[in-house]
Amino acid sequence: MRDTHFYMSGIVGSEPVARDEAVAVLWQQQRSRLVRLAVGLTGDRDVAEEIVQESFASLLGRWRFLRDVSAAQAYLHRAVVNQARARWRARRRSQVAAAVLPGRREQSADPDLDSQLDMLAALGRLPWGKRACVLLRYYADMSEAETAAALGVSVGTVKSQTAKGLRQLATVIEGQGGETR
């Protein structure tokens, strides 16, 4: 984040060219990380790509409202989370989870791929808020305060949802199943 801010601080100005250059730097530095985050939230690589592209397009449109260029990364994280949440609400989560649940796919010869798919399926079984907290805290390596800001909730909510999500994730992974609410 410091490198992005340092590099962009020299090119950001009020003219559109500087804005476009700054967003291009963010795209180059943050795109793959944001796509991975969106894949974790949605379970679908194509949808994740669309979400990230829409988030960057939204950033371009809202650029003049940023108080500081360093806020652009936080804006992108929040936009990805919000768009993933909106898509999740629009299509029933059960349709997505059913496509990746263990037992509904053939086992791969690559144990790492199987582990990743099992983890993705387990994450897909968590309720939205718990999944978002777990992913932002442990995958995106955000602090509790950053996670709270990205989700628009209190730090206490992040703490409780993360703890509950980790417990439910452990239960799902161990195969003890049960309802995840």
Protein backbone atom coordinates (compact mmCIF):
# COMPACT_ATOMS: atom_id res chain seq x y z
CA MET A 1 0.00 0.00 0.00
CA ARG A 2 2.83 2.39 0.77
CA ASP A 3 4.43 1.72 -2.61
CA THR A 4 1.17 2.41 -4.41
CA HIS A 5 0.61 5.64 -2.51
CA PHE A 6 4.19 6.79 -3.00
CA TYR A 7 4.17 6.05 -6.72
CA MET A 8 0.72 7.48 -7.35
CA SER A 9 1.23 10.60 -5.25
CA GLY A 10 3.44 12.00 -8.01
CA ILE A 11 0.92 11.49 -10.80
CA VAL A 12 -2.44 12.24 -9.22
CA GLY A 13 -3.95 15.57 -10.03
CA SER A 14 -7.23 17.03 -11.10
CA GLU A 15 -6.81 16.33 -14.80
CA PRO A 16 -8.28 13.06 -16.21
CA VAL A 17 -4.92 11.80 -17.52
CA ALA A 18 -3.47 11.67 -14.00
CA ARG A 19 -6.59 9.91 -12.76
CA ASP A 20 -6.37 7.34 -15.53
CA GLU A 21 -2.69 6.74 -14.85
CA ALA A 22 -3.32 6.32 -11.12
CA VAL A 23 -6.14 3.84 -11.75
CA ALA A 24 -3.92 1.97 -14.21
CA VAL A 25 -1.29 1.63 -11.47
CA LEU A 26 -3.93 0.36 -9.05
CA TRP A 27 -5.19 -2.08 -11.71
CA GLN A 28 -1.70 -3.46 -12.21
CA GLN A 29 -0.95 -3.74 -8.50
CA GLN A 30 -4.31 -4.77 -7.02
CA ARG A 31 -6.37 -6.51 -9.72
CA SER A 32 -5.28 -10.09 -9.08
CA ARG A 33 -5.63 -9.71 -5.30
CA LEU A 34 -9.12 -8.24 -5.68
CA VAL A 35 -10.13 -11.01 -8.10
CA ARG A 36 -9.00 -13.65 -5.59
CA LEU A 37 -11.00 -11.90 -2.88
CA ALA A 38 -14.07 -11.76 -5.13
CA VAL A 39 -13.67 -15.45 -6.06
CA GLY A 40 -13.65 -16.26 -2.36
CA LEU A 41 -16.81 -14.23 -1.85
CA THR A 42 -18.72 -15.47 -4.91
CA GLY A 43 -17.24 -18.87 -5.72
CA ASP A 44 -17.17 -17.98 -9.43
CA ARG A 45 -14.09 -16.73 -11.28
CA ASP A 46 -16.03 -15.12 -14.15
CA VAL A 47 -18.34 -13.24 -11.77
CA ALA A 48 -15.31 -12.20 -9.72
CA GLU A 49 -13.64 -10.72 -12.82
CA GLU A 50 -16.81 -8.77 -13.60
CA ILE A 51 -17.06 -7.48 -10.04
CA VAL A 52 -13.47 -6.23 -10.07
CA GLN A 53 -13.91 -4.57 -13.46
CA GLU A 54 -17.10 -2.88 -12.25
CA SER A 55 -15.31 -1.76 -9.09
CA PHE A 56 -12.55 -0.11 -11.10
CA ALA A 57 -15.10 1.51 -13.41
CA SER A 58 -16.93 2.81 -10.34
CA LEU A 59 -13.65 4.16 -8.96
CA LEU A 60 -13.08 6.09 -12.18
CA GLY A 61 -16.51 7.67 -11.88
CA ARG A 62 -16.08 8.53 -8.20
CA TRP A 63 -12.42 9.61 -8.39
CA ARG A 64 -13.11 13.31 -7.84
CA PHE A 65 -14.81 12.50 -4.52
CA LEU A 66 -11.75 10.77 -3.02
CA ARG A 67 -10.20 12.90 -0.28
CA ASP A 68 -6.84 11.19 -0.63
CA VAL A 69 -5.47 8.86 -3.28
CA SER A 70 -4.61 6.32 -0.59
CA ALA A 71 -8.36 5.94 -0.06
CA ALA A 72 -8.63 4.39 -3.54
CA GLN A 73 -7.55 0.95 -2.32
CA ALA A 74 -10.07 1.01 0.52
CA TYR A 75 -12.73 2.15 -1.95
CA LEU A 76 -11.91 -0.79 -4.23
CA HIS A 77 -12.08 -3.31 -1.37
CA ARG A 78 -15.41 -1.93 -0.24
CA ALA A 79 -16.76 -1.87 -3.81
CA VAL A 80 -15.75 -5.51 -4.39
CA VAL A 81 -17.36 -6.59 -1.12
CA ASN A 82 -20.55 -4.62 -1.79
CA GLN A 83 -20.91 -5.86 -5.36
CA ALA A 84 -20.28 -9.44 -4.32
CA ARG A 85 -22.89 -9.05 -1.59
CA ALA A 86 -25.41 -7.64 -4.07
CA ARG A 87 -24.85 -10.51 -6.49
CA TRP A 88 -25.05 -13.02 -3.67
CA ARG A 89 -28.41 -11.62 -2.64
CA ALA A 90 -29.68 -11.56 -6.23
CA ARG A 91 -29.05 -15.23 -6.91
CA ARG A 92 -29.73 -17.70 -4.24
CA ARG A 93 -26.63 -18.92 -2.48
CA SER A 94 -27.84 -22.49 -2.64
CA GLN A 95 -27.41 -22.53 -6.43
CA VAL A 96 -23.74 -21.56 -6.12
CA ALA A 97 -23.02 -23.90 -3.21
CA ALA A 98 -24.64 -26.87 -4.94
CA ALA A 99 -22.23 -26.51 -7.87
CA VAL A 100 -19.12 -26.84 -5.68
CA LEU A 101 -20.17 -29.10 -2.80
CA PRO A 102 -17.92 -32.11 -2.21
CA GLY A 103 -19.29 -35.27 -3.77
CA ARG A 104 -20.75 -33.41 -6.73
CA ARG A 105 -17.49 -33.31 -8.63
CA GLU A 106 -14.90 -35.82 -9.67
CA GLN A 107 -11.76 -36.01 -7.57
CA SER A 108 -8.72 -34.43 -9.17
CA ALA A 109 -5.30 -36.03 -9.44
CA ASP A 110 -3.91 -32.88 -7.78
CA PRO A 111 -4.43 -32.99 -3.99
CA ASP A 112 -3.76 -29.24 -3.71
CA LEU A 113 -6.57 -28.53 -6.17
CA ASP A 114 -8.90 -30.82 -4.22
CA SER A 115 -7.99 -29.03 -0.99
CA GLN A 116 -8.64 -25.64 -2.58
CA LEU A 117 -11.98 -26.76 -3.97
CA ASP A 118 -12.96 -28.26 -0.61
CA MET A 119 -12.04 -25.01 1.15
CA LEU A 120 -13.98 -22.99 -1.41
CA ALA A 121 -16.99 -25.26 -0.90
CA ALA A 122 -16.70 -24.93 2.88
CA LEU A 123 -16.47 -21.15 2.61
CA GLY A 124 -19.49 -21.21 0.32
CA ARG A 125 -21.52 -22.86 3.08
CA LEU A 126 -20.87 -20.02 5.53
CA PRO A 127 -23.41 -17.20 5.73
CA TRP A 128 -22.39 -14.05 3.88
CA GLY A 129 -21.23 -11.95 6.84
CA LYS A 130 -19.12 -14.68 8.40
CA ARG A 131 -17.57 -15.60 5.05
CA ALA A 132 -16.73 -11.97 4.30
CA CYS A 133 -15.15 -11.49 7.75
CA VAL A 134 -13.04 -14.65 7.49
CA LEU A 135 -11.88 -13.85 3.95
CA LEU A 136 -11.05 -10.21 4.64
CA ARG A 137 -9.26 -10.98 7.91
CA TYR A 138 -7.26 -14.04 6.86
CA TYR A 139 -7.13 -14.00 3.07
CA ALA A 140 -6.89 -10.28 2.39
CA ASP A 141 -4.87 -9.87 5.62
CA MET A 142 -6.89 -6.85 6.72
CA SER A 143 -7.00 -5.66 10.31
CA GLU A 144 -10.22 -5.79 12.31
CA ALA A 145 -10.68 -2.05 11.77
CA GLU A 146 -10.06 -2.31 8.01
CA THR A 147 -12.48 -5.22 7.77
CA ALA A 148 -15.11 -3.31 9.73
CA ALA A 149 -14.71 -0.32 7.41
CA ALA A 150 -14.91 -2.48 4.29
CA LEU A 151 -18.11 -4.17 5.50
CA GLY A 152 -19.66 -1.12 7.14
CA VAL A 153 -19.99 -2.80 10.55
CA SER A 154 -18.44 -2.33 13.99
CA VAL A 155 -15.12 -3.88 15.04
CA GLY A 156 -17.01 -5.96 17.61
CA THR A 157 -19.18 -7.42 14.86
CA VAL A 158 -16.07 -8.33 12.88
CA LYS A 159 -14.58 -10.07 15.93
CA SER A 160 -17.71 -12.10 16.69
CA GLN A 161 -18.51 -12.96 13.08
CA THR A 162 -14.91 -14.01 12.42
CA ALA A 163 -14.81 -16.24 15.51
CA LYS A 164 -18.17 -17.82 14.70
CA GLY A 165 -17.21 -18.22 11.05
CA LEU A 166 -13.94 -19.97 11.92
CA ARG A 167 -15.77 -22.37 14.25
CA GLN A 168 -18.35 -23.16 11.57
CA LEU A 169 -15.66 -23.50 8.93
CA ALA A 170 -13.80 -26.00 11.11
CA THR A 171 -17.03 -27.96 11.59
CA VAL A 172 -17.75 -28.03 7.86
CA ILE A 173 -14.19 -29.04 6.99
CA GLU A 174 -14.15 -31.81 9.58
CA GLY A 175 -17.31 -33.19 8.02
CA GLN A 176 -19.45 -32.80 11.11
CA GLY A 177 -21.80 -30.67 8.96
CA GLY A 178 -24.89 -29.19 10.40
CA GLU A 179 -26.69 -25.97 9.68
CA THR A 180 -24.47 -22.90 9.33
CA ARG A 181 -26.26 -19.79 10.57
